[in-house]
Amino acid sequence: MEKKKKSTFQKITMVVVWLMLIFTVGAVILGALSQFITG
């Protein structure tokens, strides 16, 4: 078990998790804004 591989894997995982969180929050905000504007 190499530390370098683990750290790299952890970095990639963190980036993917953050991207998914940002995308989800953005989608929710866009959905709420669209409903607020159209409604």
C-alpha atoms as a PDB file:
ATOM      1  CA  MET A   1       0.000   0.000   0.000  1.00  0.00           C
ATOM      2  CA  GLU A   2       1.661   3.208  -1.164  1.00  0.00           C
ATOM      3  CA  LYS A   3       0.799   6.527   0.451  1.00  0.00           C
ATOM      4  CA  LYS A   4       1.128   8.395  -2.866  1.00  0.00           C
ATOM      5  CA  LYS A   5      -1.597   6.303  -4.533  1.00  0.00           C
ATOM      6  CA  LYS A   6      -3.888   6.741  -1.525  1.00  0.00           C
ATOM      7  CA  SER A   7      -3.400  10.515  -1.396  1.00  0.00           C
ATOM      8  CA  THR A   8      -3.976  10.806  -5.155  1.00  0.00           C
ATOM      9  CA  PHE A   9      -7.098   8.630  -4.927  1.00  0.00           C
ATOM     10  CA  GLN A  10      -8.354  10.698  -1.996  1.00  0.00           C
ATOM     11  CA  LYS A  11      -7.767  13.925  -3.944  1.00  0.00           C
ATOM     12  CA  ILE A  12      -9.677  12.587  -6.965  1.00  0.00           C
ATOM     13  CA  THR A  13     -12.501  11.375  -4.705  1.00  0.00           C
ATOM     14  CA  MET A  14     -12.741  14.765  -2.978  1.00  0.00           C
ATOM     15  CA  VAL A  15     -12.861  16.564  -6.344  1.00  0.00           C
ATOM     16  CA  VAL A  16     -15.613  14.251  -7.622  1.00  0.00           C
ATOM     17  CA  VAL A  17     -17.615  14.636  -4.398  1.00  0.00           C
ATOM     18  CA  TRP A  18     -17.311  18.444  -4.484  1.00  0.00           C
ATOM     19  CA  LEU A  19     -18.299  18.552  -8.169  1.00  0.00           C
ATOM     20  CA  MET A  20     -21.385  16.410  -7.473  1.00  0.00           C
ATOM     21  CA  LEU A  21     -22.338  18.576  -4.476  1.00  0.00           C
ATOM     22  CA  ILE A  22     -21.952  21.796  -6.482  1.00  0.00           C
ATOM     23  CA  PHE A  23     -23.875  20.313  -9.425  1.00  0.00           C
ATOM     24  CA  THR A  24     -26.691  19.129  -7.138  1.00  0.00           C
ATOM     25  CA  VAL A  25     -26.951  22.470  -5.324  1.00  0.00           C
ATOM     26  CA  GLY A  26     -26.838  24.335  -8.640  1.00  0.00           C
ATOM     27  CA  ALA A  27     -29.594  22.141 -10.087  1.00  0.00           C
ATOM     28  CA  VAL A  28     -31.777  22.709  -7.007  1.00  0.00           C
ATOM     29  CA  ILE A  29     -31.228  26.473  -7.138  1.00  0.00           C
ATOM     30  CA  LEU A  30     -31.939  26.591 -10.888  1.00  0.00           C
ATOM     31  CA  GLY A  31     -35.108  24.537 -10.370  1.00  0.00           C
ATOM     32  CA  ALA A  32     -36.285  26.803  -7.557  1.00  0.00           C
ATOM     33  CA  LEU A  33     -35.502  29.938  -9.582  1.00  0.00           C
ATOM     34  CA  SER A  34     -37.308  28.619 -12.666  1.00  0.00           C
ATOM     35  CA  GLN A  35     -40.374  27.739 -10.570  1.00  0.00           C
ATOM     36  CA  PHE A  36     -40.242  31.137  -8.834  1.00  0.00           C
ATOM     37  CA  ILE A  37     -39.968  33.020 -12.151  1.00  0.00           C
ATOM     38  CA  THR A  38     -42.610  30.993 -14.010  1.00  0.00           C
ATOM     39  CA  GLY A  39     -44.865  30.703 -10.941  1.00  0.00           C
END
